């Protein structure tokens, strides 16, 4: 059995919607085998509230999600 954890990095410009959603999805569905991160080249001030709402309604984690470079 392979107990190595793989890392994934999602890059985008603003790091406020798509890469944030991808980070949450992969962290949830990776079941601890994959650790996902996201970043942006020009991160916005805050995560898109509609994206956070969609993730929450879908039962996906939103804690700790933030725009970062």
PDB file of N, CA and C in Angstrom:
ATOM      1  N   UNK A   1       0.833  -1.177   0.000  1.00  0.00           N
ATOM      2  CA  UNK A   1       0.000   0.000   0.000  1.00  0.00           C
ATOM      3  C   UNK A   1       0.881   1.245   0.000  1.00  0.00           C
ATOM      4  N   UNK A   2       0.521   2.229  -0.807  1.00  0.00           N
ATOM      5  CA  UNK A   2       1.266   3.466  -0.909  1.00  0.00           C
ATOM      6  C   UNK A   2       0.675   4.476   0.063  1.00  0.00           C
ATOM      7  N   UNK A   3       1.473   4.930   1.032  1.00  0.00           N
ATOM      8  CA  UNK A   3       0.963   5.890   1.994  1.00  0.00           C
ATOM      9  C   UNK A   3       1.512   7.295   1.750  1.00  0.00           C
ATOM     10  N   UNK A   4       2.005   7.539   0.535  1.00  0.00           N
ATOM     11  CA  UNK A   4       2.476   8.874   0.175  1.00  0.00           C
ATOM     12  C   UNK A   4       1.291   9.765  -0.149  1.00  0.00           C
ATOM     13  N   UNK A   5       1.371  10.998   0.295  1.00  0.00           N
ATOM     14  CA  UNK A   5       0.354  11.990  -0.024  1.00  0.00           C
ATOM     15  C   UNK A   5       0.863  12.811  -1.203  1.00  0.00           C
ATOM     16  N   UNK A   6       0.007  12.968  -2.196  1.00  0.00           N
ATOM     17  CA  UNK A   6       0.368  13.778  -3.359  1.00  0.00           C
ATOM     18  C   UNK A   6      -0.169  15.187  -3.164  1.00  0.00           C
ATOM     19  N   UNK A   7       0.559  16.157  -3.671  1.00  0.00           N
ATOM     20  CA  UNK A   7       0.141  17.551  -3.606  1.00  0.00           C
ATOM     21  C   UNK A   7      -0.287  18.016  -4.991  1.00  0.00           C
ATOM     22  N   UNK A   8      -1.299  18.875  -5.017  1.00  0.00           N
ATOM     23  CA  UNK A   8      -1.765  19.480  -6.267  1.00  0.00           C
ATOM     24  C   UNK A   8      -1.894  20.973  -6.043  1.00  0.00           C
ATOM     25  N   UNK A   9      -1.462  21.760  -7.016  1.00  0.00           N
ATOM     26  CA  UNK A   9      -1.555  23.212  -6.942  1.00  0.00           C
ATOM     27  C   UNK A   9      -2.355  23.708  -8.127  1.00  0.00           C
ATOM     28  N   UNK A  10      -3.419  24.456  -7.827  1.00  0.00           N
ATOM     29  CA  UNK A  10      -4.245  25.074  -8.857  1.00  0.00           C
ATOM     30  C   UNK A  10      -3.898  26.557  -8.912  1.00  0.00           C
ATOM     31  N   UNK A  11      -3.503  27.021 -10.082  1.00  0.00           N
ATOM     32  CA  UNK A  11      -3.111  28.419 -10.258  1.00  0.00           C
ATOM     33  C   UNK A  11      -4.139  29.146 -11.110  1.00  0.00           C
ATOM     34  N   UNK A  12      -4.399  30.381 -10.749  1.00  0.00           N
ATOM     35  CA  UNK A  12      -5.273  31.230 -11.548  1.00  0.00           C
ATOM     36  C   UNK A  12      -4.818  32.671 -11.356  1.00  0.00           C
ATOM     37  N   UNK A  13      -5.477  33.576 -12.004  1.00  0.00           N
ATOM     38  CA  UNK A  13      -5.084  34.977 -11.877  1.00  0.00           C
ATOM     39  C   UNK A  13      -5.517  35.546 -10.532  1.00  0.00           C
ATOM     40  N   UNK A  14      -6.826  35.507 -10.242  1.00  0.00           N
ATOM     41  CA  UNK A  14      -7.335  36.143  -9.034  1.00  0.00           C
ATOM     42  C   UNK A  14      -7.432  35.248  -7.824  1.00  0.00           C
ATOM     43  N   UNK A  15      -7.389  33.941  -8.027  1.00  0.00           N
ATOM     44  CA  UNK A  15      -7.518  32.977  -6.933  1.00  0.00           C
ATOM     45  C   UNK A  15      -8.731  33.284  -6.060  1.00  0.00           C
ATOM     46  N   UNK A  16      -9.867  33.541  -6.734  1.00  0.00           N
ATOM     47  CA  UNK A  16     -11.065  33.855  -5.969  1.00  0.00           C
ATOM     48  C   UNK A  16     -12.240  32.933  -6.268  1.00  0.00           C
ATOM     49  N   UNK A  17     -12.168  32.180  -7.371  1.00  0.00           N
ATOM     50  CA  UNK A  17     -13.312  31.330  -7.704  1.00  0.00           C
ATOM     51  C   UNK A  17     -12.876  29.937  -8.142  1.00  0.00           C
ATOM     52  N   UNK A  18     -12.437  29.789  -9.390  1.00  0.00           N
ATOM     53  CA  UNK A  18     -12.166  28.454  -9.955  1.00  0.00           C
ATOM     54  C   UNK A  18     -11.109  27.678  -9.193  1.00  0.00           C
ATOM     55  N   UNK A  19      -9.970  28.293  -8.932  1.00  0.00           N
ATOM     56  CA  UNK A  19      -8.901  27.566  -8.235  1.00  0.00           C
ATOM     57  C   UNK A  19      -9.297  27.258  -6.791  1.00  0.00           C
ATOM     58  N   UNK A  20     -10.064  28.149  -6.168  1.00  0.00           N
ATOM     59  CA  UNK A  20     -10.556  27.911  -4.811  1.00  0.00           C
ATOM     60  C   UNK A  20     -11.501  26.709  -4.802  1.00  0.00           C
ATOM     61  N   UNK A  21     -12.404  26.661  -5.800  1.00  0.00           N
ATOM     62  CA  UNK A  21     -13.353  25.545  -5.879  1.00  0.00           C
ATOM     63  C   UNK A  21     -12.611  24.232  -6.141  1.00  0.00           C
ATOM     64  N   UNK A  22     -11.614  24.275  -7.009  1.00  0.00           N
ATOM     65  CA  UNK A  22     -10.831  23.070  -7.301  1.00  0.00           C
ATOM     66  C   UNK A  22     -10.094  22.585  -6.052  1.00  0.00           C
ATOM     67  N   UNK A  23      -9.552  23.515  -5.289  1.00  0.00           N
ATOM     68  CA  UNK A  23      -8.865  23.162  -4.042  1.00  0.00           C
ATOM     69  C   UNK A  23      -9.811  22.437  -3.089  1.00  0.00           C
ATOM     70  N   UNK A  24     -10.995  22.988  -2.908  1.00  0.00           N
ATOM     71  CA  UNK A  24     -11.969  22.380  -1.998  1.00  0.00           C
ATOM     72  C   UNK A  24     -12.423  21.009  -2.494  1.00  0.00           C
ATOM     73  N   UNK A  25     -12.738  20.924  -3.781  1.00  0.00           N
ATOM     74  CA  UNK A  25     -13.197  19.654  -4.362  1.00  0.00           C
ATOM     75  C   UNK A  25     -12.161  18.552  -4.209  1.00  0.00           C
ATOM     76  N   UNK A  26     -10.921  18.853  -4.565  1.00  0.00           N
ATOM     77  CA  UNK A  26      -9.898  17.809  -4.514  1.00  0.00           C
ATOM     78  C   UNK A  26      -9.537  17.443  -3.084  1.00  0.00           C
ATOM     79  N   UNK A  27      -9.515  18.419  -2.180  1.00  0.00           N
ATOM     80  CA  UNK A  27      -9.247  18.081  -0.774  1.00  0.00           C
ATOM     81  C   UNK A  27     -10.339  17.176  -0.224  1.00  0.00           C
ATOM     82  N   UNK A  28     -11.565  17.416  -0.606  1.00  0.00           N
ATOM     83  CA  UNK A  28     -12.676  16.595  -0.125  1.00  0.00           C
ATOM     84  C   UNK A  28     -12.659  15.203  -0.756  1.00  0.00           C
ATOM     85  N   UNK A  29     -12.578  15.159  -2.067  1.00  0.00           N
ATOM     86  CA  UNK A  29     -12.664  13.880  -2.771  1.00  0.00           C
ATOM     87  C   UNK A  29     -11.333  13.121  -2.820  1.00  0.00           C
ATOM     88  N   UNK A  30     -10.254  13.770  -2.410  1.00  0.00           N
ATOM     89  CA  UNK A  30      -8.953  13.093  -2.364  1.00  0.00           C
ATOM     90  C   UNK A  30      -8.808  12.208  -1.149  1.00  0.00           C
ATOM     91  N   UNK A  31      -9.725  12.330  -0.194  1.00  0.00           N
ATOM     92  CA  UNK A  31      -9.763  11.471   0.999  1.00  0.00           C
ATOM     93  C   UNK A  31      -8.413  11.346   1.687  1.00  0.00           C
ATOM     94  N   UNK A  32      -7.672  12.452   1.763  1.00  0.00           N
ATOM     95  CA  UNK A  32      -6.388  12.437   2.464  1.00  0.00           C
ATOM     96  C   UNK A  32      -5.221  11.950   1.628  1.00  0.00           C
ATOM     97  N   UNK A  33      -5.481  11.404   0.449  1.00  0.00           N
ATOM     98  CA  UNK A  33      -4.401  10.939  -0.431  1.00  0.00           C
ATOM     99  C   UNK A  33      -3.819  12.078  -1.254  1.00  0.00           C
ATOM    100  N   UNK A  34      -4.610  13.126  -1.420  1.00  0.00           N
ATOM    101  CA  UNK A  34      -4.176  14.288  -2.192  1.00  0.00           C
ATOM    102  C   UNK A  34      -4.440  15.526  -1.354  1.00  0.00           C
ATOM    103  N   UNK A  35      -3.441  16.382  -1.276  1.00  0.00           N
ATOM    104  CA  UNK A  35      -3.586  17.684  -0.625  1.00  0.00           C
ATOM    105  C   UNK A  35      -3.583  18.735  -1.714  1.00  0.00           C
ATOM    106  N   UNK A  36      -4.651  19.490  -1.798  1.00  0.00           N
ATOM    107  CA  UNK A  36      -4.763  20.510  -2.831  1.00  0.00           C
ATOM    108  C   UNK A  36      -4.537  21.895  -2.249  1.00  0.00           C
ATOM    109  N   UNK A  37      -3.941  22.737  -3.061  1.00  0.00           N
ATOM    110  CA  UNK A  37      -3.673  24.124  -2.717  1.00  0.00           C
ATOM    111  C   UNK A  37      -4.051  24.975  -3.923  1.00  0.00           C
ATOM    112  N   UNK A  38      -4.253  26.261  -3.703  1.00  0.00           N
ATOM    113  CA  UNK A  38      -4.510  27.160  -4.821  1.00  0.00           C
ATOM    114  C   UNK A  38      -3.784  28.467  -4.575  1.00  0.00           C
ATOM    115  N   UNK A  39      -3.508  29.173  -5.668  1.00  0.00           N
ATOM    116  CA  UNK A  39      -2.830  30.462  -5.584  1.00  0.00           C
ATOM    117  C   UNK A  39      -3.140  31.261  -6.838  1.00  0.00           C
ATOM    118  N   UNK A  40      -2.893  32.558  -6.763  1.00  0.00           N
ATOM    119  CA  UNK A  40      -3.132  33.422  -7.907  1.00  0.00           C
ATOM    120  C   UNK A  40      -1.963  34.349  -8.157  1.00  0.00           C
ATOM    121  N   UNK A  41      -1.776  34.743  -9.401  1.00  0.00           N
ATOM    122  CA  UNK A  41      -0.697  35.669  -9.733  1.00  0.00           C
ATOM    123  C   UNK A  41      -1.031  37.086  -9.264  1.00  0.00           C
ATOM    124  N   UNK A  42      -2.319  37.423  -9.240  1.00  0.00           N
ATOM    125  CA  UNK A  42      -2.796  38.701  -8.723  1.00  0.00           C
ATOM    126  C   UNK A  42      -4.027  38.428  -7.860  1.00  0.00           C
ATOM    127  N   UNK A  43      -3.823  37.860  -6.661  1.00  0.00           N
ATOM    128  CA  UNK A  43      -4.961  37.443  -5.844  1.00  0.00           C
ATOM    129  C   UNK A  43      -5.870  38.610  -5.463  1.00  0.00           C
ATOM    130  N   UNK A  44      -7.145  38.336  -5.483  1.00  0.00           N
ATOM    131  CA  UNK A  44      -8.145  39.334  -5.083  1.00  0.00           C
ATOM    132  C   UNK A  44      -8.183  39.447  -3.565  1.00  0.00           C
ATOM    133  N   UNK A  45      -8.967  40.408  -3.102  1.00  0.00           N
ATOM    134  CA  UNK A  45      -9.042  40.663  -1.659  1.00  0.00           C
ATOM    135  C   UNK A  45      -9.831  39.588  -0.917  1.00  0.00           C
ATOM    136  N   UNK A  46     -10.810  38.964  -1.602  1.00  0.00           N
ATOM    137  CA  UNK A  46     -11.665  37.981  -0.929  1.00  0.00           C
ATOM    138  C   UNK A  46     -12.152  36.939  -1.921  1.00  0.00           C
ATOM    139  N   UNK A  47     -12.494  35.782  -1.396  1.00  0.00           N
ATOM    140  CA  UNK A  47     -13.061  34.705  -2.209  1.00  0.00           C
ATOM    141  C   UNK A  47     -14.463  35.116  -2.656  1.00  0.00           C
ATOM    142  N   UNK A  48     -14.823  34.761  -3.869  1.00  0.00           N
ATOM    143  CA  UNK A  48     -16.148  35.058  -4.413  1.00  0.00           C
ATOM    144  C   UNK A  48     -17.213  34.436  -3.515  1.00  0.00           C
ATOM    145  N   UNK A  49     -18.120  35.247  -2.959  1.00  0.00           N
ATOM    146  CA  UNK A  49     -19.135  34.707  -2.048  1.00  0.00           C
ATOM    147  C   UNK A  49     -20.069  33.694  -2.720  1.00  0.00           C
ATOM    148  N   UNK A  50     -20.302  33.837  -4.017  1.00  0.00           N
ATOM    149  CA  UNK A  50     -21.141  32.855  -4.724  1.00  0.00           C
ATOM    150  C   UNK A  50     -20.445  31.503  -4.789  1.00  0.00           C
ATOM    151  N   UNK A  51     -19.138  31.514  -4.973  1.00  0.00           N
ATOM    152  CA  UNK A  51     -18.377  30.266  -4.995  1.00  0.00           C
ATOM    153  C   UNK A  51     -18.434  29.586  -3.628  1.00  0.00           C
ATOM    154  N   UNK A  52     -18.263  30.373  -2.569  1.00  0.00           N
ATOM    155  CA  UNK A  52     -18.347  29.809  -1.217  1.00  0.00           C
ATOM    156  C   UNK A  52     -19.735  29.242  -0.948  1.00  0.00           C
ATOM    157  N   UNK A  53     -20.768  29.956  -1.381  1.00  0.00           N
ATOM    158  CA  UNK A  53     -22.133  29.475  -1.194  1.00  0.00           C
ATOM    159  C   UNK A  53     -22.386  28.173  -1.917  1.00  0.00           C
ATOM    160  N   UNK A  54     -21.890  28.072  -3.147  1.00  0.00           N
ATOM    161  CA  UNK A  54     -22.064  26.838  -3.918  1.00  0.00           C
ATOM    162  C   UNK A  54     -21.350  25.668  -3.249  1.00  0.00           C
ATOM    163  N   UNK A  55     -20.136  25.912  -2.776  1.00  0.00           N
ATOM    164  CA  UNK A  55     -19.395  24.854  -2.079  1.00  0.00           C
ATOM    165  C   UNK A  55     -20.135  24.406  -0.827  1.00  0.00           C
ATOM    166  N   UNK A  56     -20.616  25.363  -0.046  1.00  0.00           N
ATOM    167  CA  UNK A  56     -21.347  25.022   1.185  1.00  0.00           C
ATOM    168  C   UNK A  56     -22.611  24.239   0.879  1.00  0.00           C
ATOM    169  N   UNK A  57     -23.381  24.673  -0.128  1.00  0.00           N
ATOM    170  CA  UNK A  57     -24.616  23.964  -0.491  1.00  0.00           C
ATOM    171  C   UNK A  57     -24.328  22.551  -0.993  1.00  0.00           C
ATOM    172  N   UNK A  58     -23.125  22.365  -1.528  1.00  0.00           N
ATOM    173  CA  UNK A  58     -22.729  21.052  -2.036  1.00  0.00           C
ATOM    174  C   UNK A  58     -22.107  20.176  -0.962  1.00  0.00           C
ATOM    175  N   UNK A  59     -22.014  20.703   0.254  1.00  0.00           N
ATOM    176  CA  UNK A  59     -21.445  19.936   1.357  1.00  0.00           C
ATOM    177  C   UNK A  59     -19.935  19.843   1.316  1.00  0.00           C
ATOM    178  N   UNK A  60     -19.285  20.791   0.647  1.00  0.00           N
ATOM    179  CA  UNK A  60     -17.829  20.782   0.538  1.00  0.00           C
ATOM    180  C   UNK A  60     -17.217  21.764   1.539  1.00  0.00           C
ATOM    181  N   UNK A  61     -16.002  21.498   1.978  1.00  0.00           N
ATOM    182  CA  UNK A  61     -15.374  22.346   2.999  1.00  0.00           C
ATOM    183  C   UNK A  61     -15.037  23.736   2.468  1.00  0.00           C
ATOM    184  N   UNK A  62     -15.273  24.752   3.302  1.00  0.00           N
ATOM    185  CA  UNK A  62     -14.926  26.125   2.952  1.00  0.00           C
ATOM    186  C   UNK A  62     -14.008  26.761   3.998  1.00  0.00           C
ATOM    187  N   UNK A  63     -13.837  26.089   5.126  1.00  0.00           N
ATOM    188  CA  UNK A  63     -12.975  26.649   6.176  1.00  0.00           C
ATOM    189  C   UNK A  63     -11.553  26.822   5.674  1.00  0.00           C
ATOM    190  N   UNK A  64     -11.000  27.983   5.943  1.00  0.00           N
ATOM    191  CA  UNK A  64      -9.609  28.251   5.591  1.00  0.00           C
ATOM    192  C   UNK A  64      -9.388  28.672   4.151  1.00  0.00           C
ATOM    193  N   UNK A  65     -10.434  28.674   3.332  1.00  0.00           N
ATOM    194  CA  UNK A  65     -10.267  29.083   1.946  1.00  0.00           C
ATOM    195  C   UNK A  65     -10.072  30.595   1.895  1.00  0.00           C
ATOM    196  N   UNK A  66      -9.029  31.021   1.212  1.00  0.00           N
ATOM    197  CA  UNK A  66      -8.740  32.439   1.083  1.00  0.00           C
ATOM    198  C   UNK A  66      -7.929  32.670  -0.179  1.00  0.00           C
ATOM    199  N   UNK A  67      -7.960  33.896  -0.660  1.00  0.00           N
ATOM    200  CA  UNK A  67      -7.164  34.261  -1.827  1.00  0.00           C
ATOM    201  C   UNK A  67      -5.712  34.433  -1.380  1.00  0.00           C
ATOM    202  N   UNK A  68      -4.800  33.822  -2.139  1.00  0.00           N
ATOM    203  CA  UNK A  68      -3.389  33.894  -1.762  1.00  0.00           C
ATOM    204  C   UNK A  68      -2.497  33.861  -2.999  1.00  0.00           C
ATOM    205  N   UNK A  69      -1.295  34.369  -2.834  1.00  0.00           N
ATOM    206  CA  UNK A  69      -0.346  34.388  -3.956  1.00  0.00           C
ATOM    207  C   UNK A  69       0.609  33.207  -3.873  1.00  0.00           C
TER     208      UNK A  69
END
